[in-house]
Amino acid sequence: MVMAYLALAAAGVALVCWGFPASHRLRKPFDILAALAVLAGVACFLLGTLLTVAPHFFKG
């Protein structure tokens, strides 16, 4: 299961790496989607890192 969490963190990094330049490069309605991708990427990276370090974090 740790590999899935690492993949989630890697996908988050990929979204952030794509979204930062794209939010400045794309036209007006599409730059918002890129900015939301950055937000989702940060959330995925943090969640993947948390679950990699503490796999049973959400199991009380």
PDB file of N, CA and C in Angstrom:
ATOM      1  N   MET A   1       0.818  -1.193   0.000  1.00  0.00           N
ATOM      2  CA  MET A   1       0.000   0.000   0.000  1.00  0.00           C
ATOM      3  C   MET A   1       0.863   1.258   0.000  1.00  0.00           C
ATOM      4  N   VAL A   2       2.080   1.115   0.482  1.00  0.00           N
ATOM      5  CA  VAL A   2       2.973   2.267   0.531  1.00  0.00           C
ATOM      6  C   VAL A   2       3.281   2.766  -0.875  1.00  0.00           C
ATOM      7  N   MET A   3       3.360   1.858  -1.834  1.00  0.00           N
ATOM      8  CA  MET A   3       3.633   2.275  -3.216  1.00  0.00           C
ATOM      9  C   MET A   3       2.497   3.136  -3.767  1.00  0.00           C
ATOM     10  N   ALA A   4       1.269   2.828  -3.387  1.00  0.00           N
ATOM     11  CA  ALA A   4       0.135   3.645  -3.832  1.00  0.00           C
ATOM     12  C   ALA A   4       0.210   5.043  -3.221  1.00  0.00           C
ATOM     13  N   TYR A   5       0.639   5.123  -1.970  1.00  0.00           N
ATOM     14  CA  TYR A   5       0.770   6.431  -1.324  1.00  0.00           C
ATOM     15  C   TYR A   5       1.900   7.241  -1.950  1.00  0.00           C
ATOM     16  N   LEU A   6       2.987   6.560  -2.294  1.00  0.00           N
ATOM     17  CA  LEU A   6       4.081   7.254  -2.975  1.00  0.00           C
ATOM     18  C   LEU A   6       3.664   7.711  -4.371  1.00  0.00           C
ATOM     19  N   ALA A   7       2.846   6.901  -5.046  1.00  0.00           N
ATOM     20  CA  ALA A   7       2.331   7.304  -6.357  1.00  0.00           C
ATOM     21  C   ALA A   7       1.410   8.516  -6.229  1.00  0.00           C
ATOM     22  N   LEU A   8       0.635   8.565  -5.160  1.00  0.00           N
ATOM     23  CA  LEU A   8      -0.227   9.726  -4.911  1.00  0.00           C
ATOM     24  C   LEU A   8       0.610  10.980  -4.689  1.00  0.00           C
ATOM     25  N   ALA A   9       1.688  10.847  -3.932  1.00  0.00           N
ATOM     26  CA  ALA A   9       2.569  11.988  -3.706  1.00  0.00           C
ATOM     27  C   ALA A   9       3.262  12.406  -5.001  1.00  0.00           C
ATOM     28  N   ALA A  10       3.673  11.440  -5.811  1.00  0.00           N
ATOM     29  CA  ALA A  10       4.324  11.760  -7.087  1.00  0.00           C
ATOM     30  C   ALA A  10       3.348  12.434  -8.048  1.00  0.00           C
ATOM     31  N   ALA A  11       2.097  11.989  -8.048  1.00  0.00           N
ATOM     32  CA  ALA A  11       1.091  12.638  -8.887  1.00  0.00           C
ATOM     33  C   ALA A  11       0.848  14.070  -8.425  1.00  0.00           C
ATOM     34  N   GLY A  12       0.895  14.295  -7.135  1.00  0.00           N
ATOM     35  CA  GLY A  12       0.752  15.649  -6.613  1.00  0.00           C
ATOM     36  C   GLY A  12       1.880  16.554  -7.053  1.00  0.00           C
ATOM     37  N   VAL A  13       3.103  16.037  -7.016  1.00  0.00           N
ATOM     38  CA  VAL A  13       4.248  16.824  -7.481  1.00  0.00           C
ATOM     39  C   VAL A  13       4.119  17.117  -8.971  1.00  0.00           C
ATOM     40  N   ALA A  14       3.656  16.132  -9.741  1.00  0.00           N
ATOM     41  CA  ALA A  14       3.485  16.336 -11.182  1.00  0.00           C
ATOM     42  C   ALA A  14       2.432  17.407 -11.471  1.00  0.00           C
ATOM     43  N   LEU A  15       1.345  17.399 -10.724  1.00  0.00           N
ATOM     44  CA  LEU A  15       0.313  18.423 -10.913  1.00  0.00           C
ATOM     45  C   LEU A  15       0.836  19.815 -10.579  1.00  0.00           C
ATOM     46  N   VAL A  16       1.609  19.914  -9.523  1.00  0.00           N
ATOM     47  CA  VAL A  16       2.164  21.218  -9.149  1.00  0.00           C
ATOM     48  C   VAL A  16       3.161  21.691 -10.201  1.00  0.00           C
ATOM     49  N   CYS A  17       4.015  20.779 -10.662  1.00  0.00           N
ATOM     50  CA  CYS A  17       5.018  21.153 -11.672  1.00  0.00           C
ATOM     51  C   CYS A  17       4.372  21.560 -12.990  1.00  0.00           C
ATOM     52  N   TRP A  18       3.238  20.972 -13.331  1.00  0.00           N
ATOM     53  CA  TRP A  18       2.546  21.376 -14.553  1.00  0.00           C
ATOM     54  C   TRP A  18       1.735  22.653 -14.327  1.00  0.00           C
ATOM     55  N   GLY A  19       1.102  22.760 -13.179  1.00  0.00           N
ATOM     56  CA  GLY A  19       0.143  23.836 -12.958  1.00  0.00           C
ATOM     57  C   GLY A  19       0.737  25.208 -12.751  1.00  0.00           C
ATOM     58  N   PHE A  20       1.897  25.295 -12.104  1.00  0.00           N
ATOM     59  CA  PHE A  20       2.493  26.617 -11.873  1.00  0.00           C
ATOM     60  C   PHE A  20       2.788  27.350 -13.171  1.00  0.00           C
ATOM     61  N   PRO A  21       3.532  26.762 -14.103  1.00  0.00           N
ATOM     62  CA  PRO A  21       3.777  27.503 -15.348  1.00  0.00           C
ATOM     63  C   PRO A  21       2.515  27.650 -16.199  1.00  0.00           C
ATOM     64  N   ALA A  22       1.650  26.633 -16.161  1.00  0.00           N
ATOM     65  CA  ALA A  22       0.454  26.685 -16.995  1.00  0.00           C
ATOM     66  C   ALA A  22      -0.515  27.764 -16.534  1.00  0.00           C
ATOM     67  N   SER A  23      -0.546  28.051 -15.254  1.00  0.00           N
ATOM     68  CA  SER A  23      -1.472  29.079 -14.774  1.00  0.00           C
ATOM     69  C   SER A  23      -1.069  30.474 -15.242  1.00  0.00           C
ATOM     70  N   HIS A  24       0.163  30.650 -15.611  1.00  0.00           N
ATOM     71  CA  HIS A  24       0.610  31.941 -16.146  1.00  0.00           C
ATOM     72  C   HIS A  24       0.628  31.958 -17.670  1.00  0.00           C
ATOM     73  N   ARG A  25       0.663  30.794 -18.282  1.00  0.00           N
ATOM     74  CA  ARG A  25       0.806  30.704 -19.726  1.00  0.00           C
ATOM     75  C   ARG A  25      -0.540  30.614 -20.452  1.00  0.00           C
ATOM     76  N   LEU A  26      -1.524  29.991 -19.837  1.00  0.00           N
ATOM     77  CA  LEU A  26      -2.795  29.741 -20.519  1.00  0.00           C
ATOM     78  C   LEU A  26      -3.680  30.985 -20.547  1.00  0.00           C
ATOM     79  N   ARG A  27      -4.674  30.948 -21.455  1.00  0.00           N
ATOM     80  CA  ARG A  27      -5.630  32.056 -21.557  1.00  0.00           C
ATOM     81  C   ARG A  27      -6.534  32.097 -20.335  1.00  0.00           C
ATOM     82  N   LYS A  28      -7.372  33.094 -20.291  1.00  0.00           N
ATOM     83  CA  LYS A  28      -8.129  33.455 -19.092  1.00  0.00           C
ATOM     84  C   LYS A  28      -9.000  32.337 -18.494  1.00  0.00           C
ATOM     85  N   PRO A  29      -9.887  31.670 -19.183  1.00  0.00           N
ATOM     86  CA  PRO A  29     -10.684  30.688 -18.426  1.00  0.00           C
ATOM     87  C   PRO A  29      -9.892  29.436 -18.044  1.00  0.00           C
ATOM     88  N   PHE A  30      -8.819  29.141 -18.784  1.00  0.00           N
ATOM     89  CA  PHE A  30      -8.082  27.907 -18.530  1.00  0.00           C
ATOM     90  C   PHE A  30      -7.027  28.070 -17.443  1.00  0.00           C
ATOM     91  N   ASP A  31      -6.640  29.298 -17.143  1.00  0.00           N
ATOM     92  CA  ASP A  31      -5.652  29.488 -16.083  1.00  0.00           C
ATOM     93  C   ASP A  31      -6.232  29.147 -14.714  1.00  0.00           C
ATOM     94  N   ILE A  32      -7.544  29.269 -14.583  1.00  0.00           N
ATOM     95  CA  ILE A  32      -8.182  28.899 -13.322  1.00  0.00           C
ATOM     96  C   ILE A  32      -8.105  27.389 -13.114  1.00  0.00           C
ATOM     97  N   LEU A  33      -8.274  26.625 -14.188  1.00  0.00           N
ATOM     98  CA  LEU A  33      -8.152  25.170 -14.081  1.00  0.00           C
ATOM     99  C   LEU A  33      -6.741  24.758 -13.694  1.00  0.00           C
ATOM    100  N   ALA A  34      -5.752  25.449 -14.237  1.00  0.00           N
ATOM    101  CA  ALA A  34      -4.370  25.144 -13.879  1.00  0.00           C
ATOM    102  C   ALA A  34      -4.097  25.495 -12.418  1.00  0.00           C
ATOM    103  N   ALA A  35      -4.658  26.588 -11.954  1.00  0.00           N
ATOM    104  CA  ALA A  35      -4.481  26.953 -10.546  1.00  0.00           C
ATOM    105  C   ALA A  35      -5.176  25.951  -9.623  1.00  0.00           C
ATOM    106  N   LEU A  36      -6.324  25.456 -10.033  1.00  0.00           N
ATOM    107  CA  LEU A  36      -6.992  24.416  -9.250  1.00  0.00           C
ATOM    108  C   LEU A  36      -6.208  23.110  -9.273  1.00  0.00           C
ATOM    109  N   ALA A  37      -5.520  22.844 -10.385  1.00  0.00           N
ATOM    110  CA  ALA A  37      -4.662  21.662 -10.455  1.00  0.00           C
ATOM    111  C   ALA A  37      -3.496  21.779  -9.480  1.00  0.00           C
ATOM    112  N   VAL A  38      -2.973  22.990  -9.314  1.00  0.00           N
ATOM    113  CA  VAL A  38      -1.903  23.202  -8.327  1.00  0.00           C
ATOM    114  C   VAL A  38      -2.439  22.937  -6.924  1.00  0.00           C
ATOM    115  N   LEU A  39      -3.621  23.425  -6.642  1.00  0.00           N
ATOM    116  CA  LEU A  39      -4.221  23.200  -5.328  1.00  0.00           C
ATOM    117  C   LEU A  39      -4.452  21.708  -5.076  1.00  0.00           C
ATOM    118  N   ALA A  40      -4.980  21.014  -6.077  1.00  0.00           N
ATOM    119  CA  ALA A  40      -5.183  19.571  -5.946  1.00  0.00           C
ATOM    120  C   ALA A  40      -3.853  18.838  -5.820  1.00  0.00           C
ATOM    121  N   GLY A  41      -2.839  19.318  -6.517  1.00  0.00           N
ATOM    122  CA  GLY A  41      -1.519  18.699  -6.425  1.00  0.00           C
ATOM    123  C   GLY A  41      -0.908  18.838  -5.049  1.00  0.00           C
ATOM    124  N   VAL A  42      -1.061  20.005  -4.447  1.00  0.00           N
ATOM    125  CA  VAL A  42      -0.548  20.201  -3.085  1.00  0.00           C
ATOM    126  C   VAL A  42      -1.288  19.285  -2.115  1.00  0.00           C
ATOM    127  N   ALA A  43      -2.601  19.180  -2.278  1.00  0.00           N
ATOM    128  CA  ALA A  43      -3.384  18.309  -1.398  1.00  0.00           C
ATOM    129  C   ALA A  43      -2.983  16.844  -1.579  1.00  0.00           C
ATOM    130  N   CYS A  44      -2.798  16.405  -2.823  1.00  0.00           N
ATOM    131  CA  CYS A  44      -2.382  15.021  -3.081  1.00  0.00           C
ATOM    132  C   CYS A  44      -0.994  14.747  -2.529  1.00  0.00           C
ATOM    133  N   PHE A  45      -0.090  15.694  -2.699  1.00  0.00           N
ATOM    134  CA  PHE A  45       1.263  15.508  -2.182  1.00  0.00           C
ATOM    135  C   PHE A  45       1.264  15.402  -0.661  1.00  0.00           C
ATOM    136  N   LEU A  46       0.534  16.289  -0.002  1.00  0.00           N
ATOM    137  CA  LEU A  46       0.496  16.246   1.461  1.00  0.00           C
ATOM    138  C   LEU A  46      -0.173  14.974   1.974  1.00  0.00           C
ATOM    139  N   LEU A  47      -1.260  14.564   1.335  1.00  0.00           N
ATOM    140  CA  LEU A  47      -1.946  13.348   1.755  1.00  0.00           C
ATOM    141  C   LEU A  47      -1.088  12.115   1.500  1.00  0.00           C
ATOM    142  N   GLY A  48      -0.443  12.056   0.339  1.00  0.00           N
ATOM    143  CA  GLY A  48       0.428  10.923   0.041  1.00  0.00           C
ATOM    144  C   GLY A  48       1.609  10.840   0.976  1.00  0.00           C
ATOM    145  N   THR A  49       2.191  11.979   1.315  1.00  0.00           N
ATOM    146  CA  THR A  49       3.314  11.989   2.252  1.00  0.00           C
ATOM    147  C   THR A  49       2.859  11.582   3.652  1.00  0.00           C
ATOM    148  N   LEU A  50       1.723  12.089   4.080  1.00  0.00           N
ATOM    149  CA  LEU A  50       1.196  11.735   5.397  1.00  0.00           C
ATOM    150  C   LEU A  50       0.919  10.241   5.493  1.00  0.00           C
ATOM    151  N   LEU A  51       0.287   9.677   4.477  1.00  0.00           N
ATOM    152  CA  LEU A  51      -0.046   8.258   4.523  1.00  0.00           C
ATOM    153  C   LEU A  51       1.175   7.370   4.336  1.00  0.00           C
ATOM    154  N   THR A  52       2.217   7.880   3.697  1.00  0.00           N
ATOM    155  CA  THR A  52       3.452   7.108   3.591  1.00  0.00           C
ATOM    156  C   THR A  52       4.145   7.031   4.947  1.00  0.00           C
ATOM    157  N   VAL A  53       4.166   8.136   5.661  1.00  0.00           N
ATOM    158  CA  VAL A  53       4.856   8.181   6.953  1.00  0.00           C
ATOM    159  C   VAL A  53       4.034   7.500   8.051  1.00  0.00           C
ATOM    160  N   ALA A  54       2.731   7.741   8.068  1.00  0.00           N
ATOM    161  CA  ALA A  54       1.851   7.161   9.090  1.00  0.00           C
ATOM    162  C   ALA A  54       0.680   6.489   8.389  1.00  0.00           C
ATOM    163  N   PRO A  55       0.823   5.227   7.964  1.00  0.00           N
ATOM    164  CA  PRO A  55      -0.201   4.579   7.136  1.00  0.00           C
ATOM    165  C   PRO A  55      -1.575   4.456   7.794  1.00  0.00           C
ATOM    166  N   HIS A  56      -1.643   4.354   9.101  1.00  0.00           N
ATOM    167  CA  HIS A  56      -2.930   4.180   9.785  1.00  0.00           C
ATOM    168  C   HIS A  56      -3.377   5.471  10.464  1.00  0.00           C
ATOM    169  N   PHE A  57      -3.090   6.594   9.834  1.00  0.00           N
ATOM    170  CA  PHE A  57      -3.390   7.895  10.436  1.00  0.00           C
ATOM    171  C   PHE A  57      -4.887   8.115  10.611  1.00  0.00           C
ATOM    172  N   PHE A  58      -5.685   7.692   9.635  1.00  0.00           N
ATOM    173  CA  PHE A  58      -7.121   7.954   9.674  1.00  0.00           C
ATOM    174  C   PHE A  58      -7.917   6.831  10.332  1.00  0.00           C
ATOM    175  N   LYS A  59      -7.254   5.863  10.941  1.00  0.00           N
ATOM    176  CA  LYS A  59      -7.964   4.736  11.552  1.00  0.00           C
ATOM    177  C   LYS A  59      -8.044   4.858  13.067  1.00  0.00           C
ATOM    178  N   GLY A  60      -8.171   6.064  13.561  1.00  0.00           N
ATOM    179  CA  GLY A  60      -8.381   6.327  14.978  1.00  0.00           C
ATOM    180  C   GLY A  60      -7.460   5.670  15.877  1.00  0.00           C
TER     181      GLY A  60
END
